[in-house]
Amino acid sequence: MRDAILNKSHAAPSRRAPLRSEGDDMADNPIPVLIPRRRVSQICGLERNALYERIARGQFPKPITIGSAAVRWIEAEVVAWVQQQIDASRAQQPARGFRRERA
């Protein structure tokens, strides 16, 4: 009995198909992660109205329609947008804590 417990070969095979296998074309292309609006708001700090206003102005990634009334965003696009905002903000601000030398 103990050997049967330690040897898990008697377990039923998994019903899930593997996401990727060697030699698979998808191995080179990661599967996009789709996230709901609430998660988008948590990541970027924008509430619903501000989010859709920026989408309408072309200033935020557009969602993907996944049903008649359901949309999701590609997580990597949202994270990239946040990083762009950080980079732009830091490029505009002078470094703090440093004084200019007087001529």
N, C-alpha and C. Protein backbone atom coordinates (compact mmCIF):
# COMPACT_ATOMS: atom_id res chain seq x y z
N MET A 1 0.82 -1.19 0.00
CA MET A 1 0.00 0.00 0.00
C MET A 1 0.87 1.26 0.00
N ARG A 2 1.88 1.25 0.86
CA ARG A 2 2.77 2.40 0.95
C ARG A 2 3.44 2.67 -0.40
N ASP A 3 3.86 1.60 -1.07
CA ASP A 3 4.48 1.77 -2.39
C ASP A 3 3.51 2.37 -3.39
N ALA A 4 2.26 2.01 -3.30
CA ALA A 4 1.25 2.55 -4.21
C ALA A 4 1.04 4.04 -3.97
N ILE A 5 1.12 4.46 -2.71
CA ILE A 5 0.96 5.88 -2.38
C ILE A 5 2.15 6.68 -2.89
N LEU A 6 3.36 6.14 -2.70
CA LEU A 6 4.55 6.84 -3.15
C LEU A 6 4.68 6.84 -4.66
N ASN A 7 4.23 5.77 -5.31
CA ASN A 7 4.28 5.69 -6.76
C ASN A 7 2.94 6.18 -7.30
N LYS A 8 2.92 7.35 -7.83
CA LYS A 8 1.65 7.95 -8.25
C LYS A 8 1.25 7.55 -9.66
N SER A 9 1.79 6.48 -10.17
CA SER A 9 1.46 6.06 -11.53
C SER A 9 0.03 5.57 -11.64
N HIS A 10 -0.60 5.26 -10.51
CA HIS A 10 -1.98 4.79 -10.56
C HIS A 10 -2.99 5.94 -10.69
N ALA A 11 -2.51 7.16 -10.58
CA ALA A 11 -3.41 8.31 -10.66
C ALA A 11 -3.95 8.46 -12.07
N ALA A 12 -5.16 8.95 -12.17
CA ALA A 12 -5.79 9.16 -13.47
C ALA A 12 -5.06 10.27 -14.22
N PRO A 13 -4.94 10.14 -15.52
CA PRO A 13 -4.26 11.19 -16.28
C PRO A 13 -5.07 12.48 -16.25
N SER A 14 -4.35 13.59 -16.36
CA SER A 14 -5.00 14.89 -16.35
C SER A 14 -5.86 15.05 -17.59
N ARG A 15 -7.01 15.69 -17.44
CA ARG A 15 -7.90 15.91 -18.59
C ARG A 15 -7.55 17.19 -19.33
N ARG A 16 -6.72 18.01 -18.71
CA ARG A 16 -6.33 19.25 -19.36
C ARG A 16 -5.31 18.98 -20.45
N ALA A 17 -5.49 19.65 -21.56
CA ALA A 17 -4.51 19.57 -22.63
C ALA A 17 -3.36 20.51 -22.28
N PRO A 18 -2.14 20.15 -22.61
CA PRO A 18 -1.03 21.06 -22.31
C PRO A 18 -1.17 22.35 -23.12
N LEU A 19 -0.79 23.47 -22.52
CA LEU A 19 -0.87 24.75 -23.22
C LEU A 19 0.15 24.82 -24.34
N ARG A 20 1.31 24.25 -24.10
CA ARG A 20 2.37 24.30 -25.10
C ARG A 20 3.10 22.97 -25.10
N SER A 21 3.66 22.64 -26.23
CA SER A 21 4.51 21.46 -26.32
C SER A 21 5.71 21.82 -27.17
N GLU A 22 6.76 21.03 -27.07
CA GLU A 22 7.96 21.30 -27.85
C GLU A 22 7.63 21.21 -29.33
N GLY A 23 8.18 22.13 -30.09
CA GLY A 23 7.93 22.15 -31.52
C GLY A 23 6.61 22.82 -31.88
N ASP A 24 5.88 23.28 -30.90
CA ASP A 24 4.60 23.93 -31.13
C ASP A 24 4.83 25.37 -31.57
N ASP A 25 4.09 25.84 -32.56
CA ASP A 25 4.23 27.21 -33.03
C ASP A 25 3.89 28.22 -31.94
N MET A 26 3.00 27.87 -31.02
CA MET A 26 2.60 28.80 -29.97
C MET A 26 3.70 29.02 -28.95
N ALA A 27 4.70 28.15 -28.92
CA ALA A 27 5.78 28.30 -27.95
C ALA A 27 6.53 29.60 -28.17
N ASP A 28 6.56 30.08 -29.41
CA ASP A 28 7.24 31.34 -29.71
C ASP A 28 6.37 32.55 -29.41
N ASN A 29 5.07 32.37 -29.34
CA ASN A 29 4.13 33.46 -29.08
C ASN A 29 3.42 33.21 -27.76
N PRO A 30 3.72 34.03 -26.74
CA PRO A 30 3.05 33.81 -25.46
C PRO A 30 1.55 34.07 -25.58
N ILE A 31 0.79 33.35 -24.79
CA ILE A 31 -0.66 33.51 -24.80
C ILE A 31 -1.01 34.80 -24.06
N PRO A 32 -1.76 35.71 -24.69
CA PRO A 32 -2.11 36.96 -24.01
C PRO A 32 -3.04 36.71 -22.83
N VAL A 33 -2.82 37.44 -21.77
CA VAL A 33 -3.67 37.34 -20.59
C VAL A 33 -4.71 38.46 -20.69
N LEU A 34 -5.99 38.09 -20.67
CA LEU A 34 -7.07 39.07 -20.74
C LEU A 34 -7.56 39.38 -19.34
N ILE A 35 -7.71 40.68 -19.05
CA ILE A 35 -8.12 41.10 -17.71
C ILE A 35 -9.36 41.99 -17.79
N PRO A 36 -10.22 41.93 -16.76
CA PRO A 36 -11.43 42.75 -16.74
C PRO A 36 -11.12 44.20 -16.36
N ARG A 37 -12.10 45.08 -16.56
CA ARG A 37 -11.92 46.50 -16.31
C ARG A 37 -11.50 46.79 -14.88
N ARG A 38 -12.06 46.10 -13.92
CA ARG A 38 -11.69 46.38 -12.52
C ARG A 38 -10.21 46.13 -12.28
N ARG A 39 -9.68 45.09 -12.90
CA ARG A 39 -8.24 44.82 -12.76
C ARG A 39 -7.43 45.89 -13.48
N VAL A 40 -7.92 46.35 -14.63
CA VAL A 40 -7.26 47.43 -15.36
C VAL A 40 -7.19 48.67 -14.47
N SER A 41 -8.31 48.99 -13.81
CA SER A 41 -8.35 50.14 -12.92
C SER A 41 -7.37 50.00 -11.76
N GLN A 42 -7.23 48.79 -11.23
CA GLN A 42 -6.27 48.56 -10.15
C GLN A 42 -4.84 48.77 -10.64
N ILE A 43 -4.55 48.35 -11.84
CA ILE A 43 -3.19 48.45 -12.38
C ILE A 43 -2.83 49.89 -12.71
N CYS A 44 -3.74 50.60 -13.38
CA CYS A 44 -3.39 51.93 -13.89
C CYS A 44 -3.90 53.09 -13.05
N GLY A 45 -4.82 52.82 -12.13
CA GLY A 45 -5.31 53.89 -11.26
C GLY A 45 -6.39 54.75 -11.87
N LEU A 46 -6.93 54.37 -13.01
CA LEU A 46 -8.00 55.14 -13.65
C LEU A 46 -9.34 54.45 -13.40
N GLU A 47 -10.32 55.24 -13.04
CA GLU A 47 -11.67 54.68 -12.88
C GLU A 47 -12.34 54.57 -14.24
N ARG A 48 -13.53 54.00 -14.26
CA ARG A 48 -14.23 53.66 -15.49
C ARG A 48 -14.35 54.83 -16.47
N ASN A 49 -14.90 55.96 -16.02
CA ASN A 49 -15.12 57.09 -16.93
C ASN A 49 -13.82 57.63 -17.50
N ALA A 50 -12.81 57.80 -16.66
CA ALA A 50 -11.52 58.31 -17.13
C ALA A 50 -10.89 57.33 -18.12
N LEU A 51 -11.05 56.05 -17.86
CA LEU A 51 -10.51 55.02 -18.73
C LEU A 51 -11.13 55.11 -20.12
N TYR A 52 -12.46 55.15 -20.19
CA TYR A 52 -13.13 55.21 -21.48
C TYR A 52 -12.91 56.54 -22.20
N GLU A 53 -12.73 57.62 -21.47
CA GLU A 53 -12.41 58.91 -22.10
C GLU A 53 -11.05 58.83 -22.79
N ARG A 54 -10.07 58.23 -22.13
CA ARG A 54 -8.74 58.09 -22.73
C ARG A 54 -8.77 57.14 -23.93
N ILE A 55 -9.58 56.11 -23.86
CA ILE A 55 -9.72 55.20 -25.00
C ILE A 55 -10.29 55.96 -26.20
N ALA A 56 -11.31 56.77 -25.95
CA ALA A 56 -11.95 57.54 -27.03
C ALA A 56 -10.97 58.52 -27.67
N ARG A 57 -10.04 59.05 -26.87
CA ARG A 57 -9.04 60.00 -27.39
C ARG A 57 -7.81 59.29 -27.96
N GLY A 58 -7.81 57.95 -27.91
CA GLY A 58 -6.67 57.19 -28.42
C GLY A 58 -5.47 57.22 -27.49
N GLN A 59 -5.71 57.46 -26.21
CA GLN A 59 -4.62 57.59 -25.24
C GLN A 59 -4.50 56.38 -24.30
N PHE A 60 -5.24 55.33 -24.59
CA PHE A 60 -5.20 54.13 -23.76
C PHE A 60 -5.53 52.94 -24.66
N PRO A 61 -4.97 51.77 -24.38
CA PRO A 61 -5.26 50.59 -25.23
C PRO A 61 -6.75 50.25 -25.26
N LYS A 62 -7.22 49.88 -26.45
CA LYS A 62 -8.62 49.51 -26.61
C LYS A 62 -8.86 48.10 -26.06
N PRO A 63 -10.06 47.88 -25.53
CA PRO A 63 -10.38 46.53 -25.04
C PRO A 63 -10.71 45.58 -26.19
N ILE A 64 -10.71 44.30 -25.87
CA ILE A 64 -11.09 43.24 -26.81
C ILE A 64 -12.50 42.80 -26.45
N THR A 65 -13.40 42.75 -27.43
CA THR A 65 -14.75 42.29 -27.18
C THR A 65 -14.76 40.76 -27.13
N ILE A 66 -15.26 40.20 -26.03
CA ILE A 66 -15.29 38.74 -25.92
C ILE A 66 -16.71 38.19 -25.83
N GLY A 67 -17.68 39.06 -25.92
CA GLY A 67 -19.08 38.64 -25.89
C GLY A 67 -19.94 39.83 -26.26
N SER A 68 -21.24 39.66 -26.18
CA SER A 68 -22.13 40.75 -26.59
C SER A 68 -22.01 41.96 -25.67
N ALA A 69 -21.67 41.74 -24.41
CA ALA A 69 -21.56 42.86 -23.48
C ALA A 69 -20.30 42.76 -22.62
N ALA A 70 -19.35 41.95 -23.02
CA ALA A 70 -18.16 41.74 -22.20
C ALA A 70 -16.91 42.15 -22.96
N VAL A 71 -16.04 42.88 -22.29
CA VAL A 71 -14.76 43.27 -22.87
C VAL A 71 -13.65 42.93 -21.88
N ARG A 72 -12.46 42.75 -22.41
CA ARG A 72 -11.26 42.51 -21.60
C ARG A 72 -10.11 43.24 -22.26
N TRP A 73 -9.10 43.54 -21.48
CA TRP A 73 -7.89 44.19 -21.97
C TRP A 73 -6.77 43.18 -21.95
N ILE A 74 -5.81 43.39 -22.85
CA ILE A 74 -4.61 42.57 -22.84
C ILE A 74 -3.68 43.14 -21.77
N GLU A 75 -3.38 42.31 -20.79
CA GLU A 75 -2.62 42.77 -19.63
C GLU A 75 -1.29 43.41 -20.02
N ALA A 76 -0.58 42.82 -20.96
CA ALA A 76 0.72 43.35 -21.37
C ALA A 76 0.61 44.76 -21.94
N GLU A 77 -0.50 45.04 -22.65
CA GLU A 77 -0.70 46.39 -23.20
C GLU A 77 -0.95 47.40 -22.09
N VAL A 78 -1.71 47.01 -21.09
CA VAL A 78 -2.00 47.90 -19.96
C VAL A 78 -0.72 48.19 -19.18
N VAL A 79 0.05 47.15 -18.91
CA VAL A 79 1.30 47.31 -18.18
C VAL A 79 2.28 48.18 -18.97
N ALA A 80 2.33 48.00 -20.29
CA ALA A 80 3.19 48.82 -21.14
C ALA A 80 2.76 50.28 -21.10
N TRP A 81 1.45 50.53 -21.09
CA TRP A 81 0.94 51.90 -21.00
C TRP A 81 1.38 52.54 -19.68
N VAL A 82 1.26 51.81 -18.59
CA VAL A 82 1.68 52.33 -17.28
C VAL A 82 3.17 52.66 -17.32
N GLN A 83 3.97 51.79 -17.90
CA GLN A 83 5.41 52.05 -17.97
C GLN A 83 5.70 53.28 -18.81
N GLN A 84 4.94 53.49 -19.90
CA GLN A 84 5.10 54.69 -20.72
C GLN A 84 4.81 55.95 -19.91
N GLN A 85 3.77 55.89 -19.07
CA GLN A 85 3.42 57.04 -18.23
C GLN A 85 4.53 57.34 -17.24
N ILE A 86 5.10 56.29 -16.66
CA ILE A 86 6.20 56.46 -15.71
C ILE A 86 7.40 57.08 -16.42
N ASP A 87 7.76 56.54 -17.59
CA ASP A 87 8.91 57.05 -18.33
C ASP A 87 8.72 58.52 -18.73
N ALA A 88 7.53 58.85 -19.22
CA ALA A 88 7.25 60.23 -19.63
C ALA A 88 7.29 61.18 -18.43
N SER A 89 6.78 60.74 -17.32
CA SER A 89 6.77 61.58 -16.12
C SER A 89 8.18 61.85 -15.62
N ARG A 90 9.00 60.82 -15.62
CA ARG A 90 10.37 60.97 -15.13
C ARG A 90 11.24 61.77 -16.09
N ALA A 91 10.94 61.73 -17.38
CA ALA A 91 11.71 62.49 -18.36
C ALA A 91 11.45 63.99 -18.23
N GLN A 92 10.25 64.34 -17.75
CA GLN A 92 9.88 65.75 -17.62
C GLN A 92 10.35 66.37 -16.31
N GLN A 93 10.56 65.56 -15.28
CA GLN A 93 10.90 66.07 -13.96
C GLN A 93 12.40 66.08 -13.77
N PRO A 94 12.94 67.21 -13.29
CA PRO A 94 14.37 67.20 -12.95
C PRO A 94 14.59 66.33 -11.72
N ALA A 95 15.78 65.79 -11.61
CA ALA A 95 16.10 64.96 -10.46
C ALA A 95 16.04 65.80 -9.19
N ARG A 96 15.41 65.27 -8.17
CA ARG A 96 15.29 66.00 -6.91
C ARG A 96 16.48 65.71 -6.02
N GLY A 97 16.78 66.66 -5.18
CA GLY A 97 17.86 66.46 -4.22
C GLY A 97 19.21 66.94 -4.73
N PHE A 98 19.25 67.37 -5.98
CA PHE A 98 20.50 67.87 -6.53
C PHE A 98 20.36 69.37 -6.78
N ARG A 99 21.37 70.10 -6.43
CA ARG A 99 21.38 71.55 -6.68
C ARG A 99 22.28 71.83 -7.89
N ARG A 100 21.84 72.79 -8.63
CA ARG A 100 22.69 73.22 -9.76
C ARG A 100 23.88 73.98 -9.21
N GLU A 101 24.99 73.80 -9.88
CA GLU A 101 26.17 74.57 -9.49
C GLU A 101 26.01 75.98 -10.03
N ARG A 102 26.40 76.93 -9.23
CA ARG A 102 26.33 78.34 -9.67
C ARG A 102 27.57 78.69 -10.48
N ALA A 103 27.35 79.44 -11.51
CA ALA A 103 28.48 79.83 -12.37
C ALA A 103 29.20 81.04 -11.83
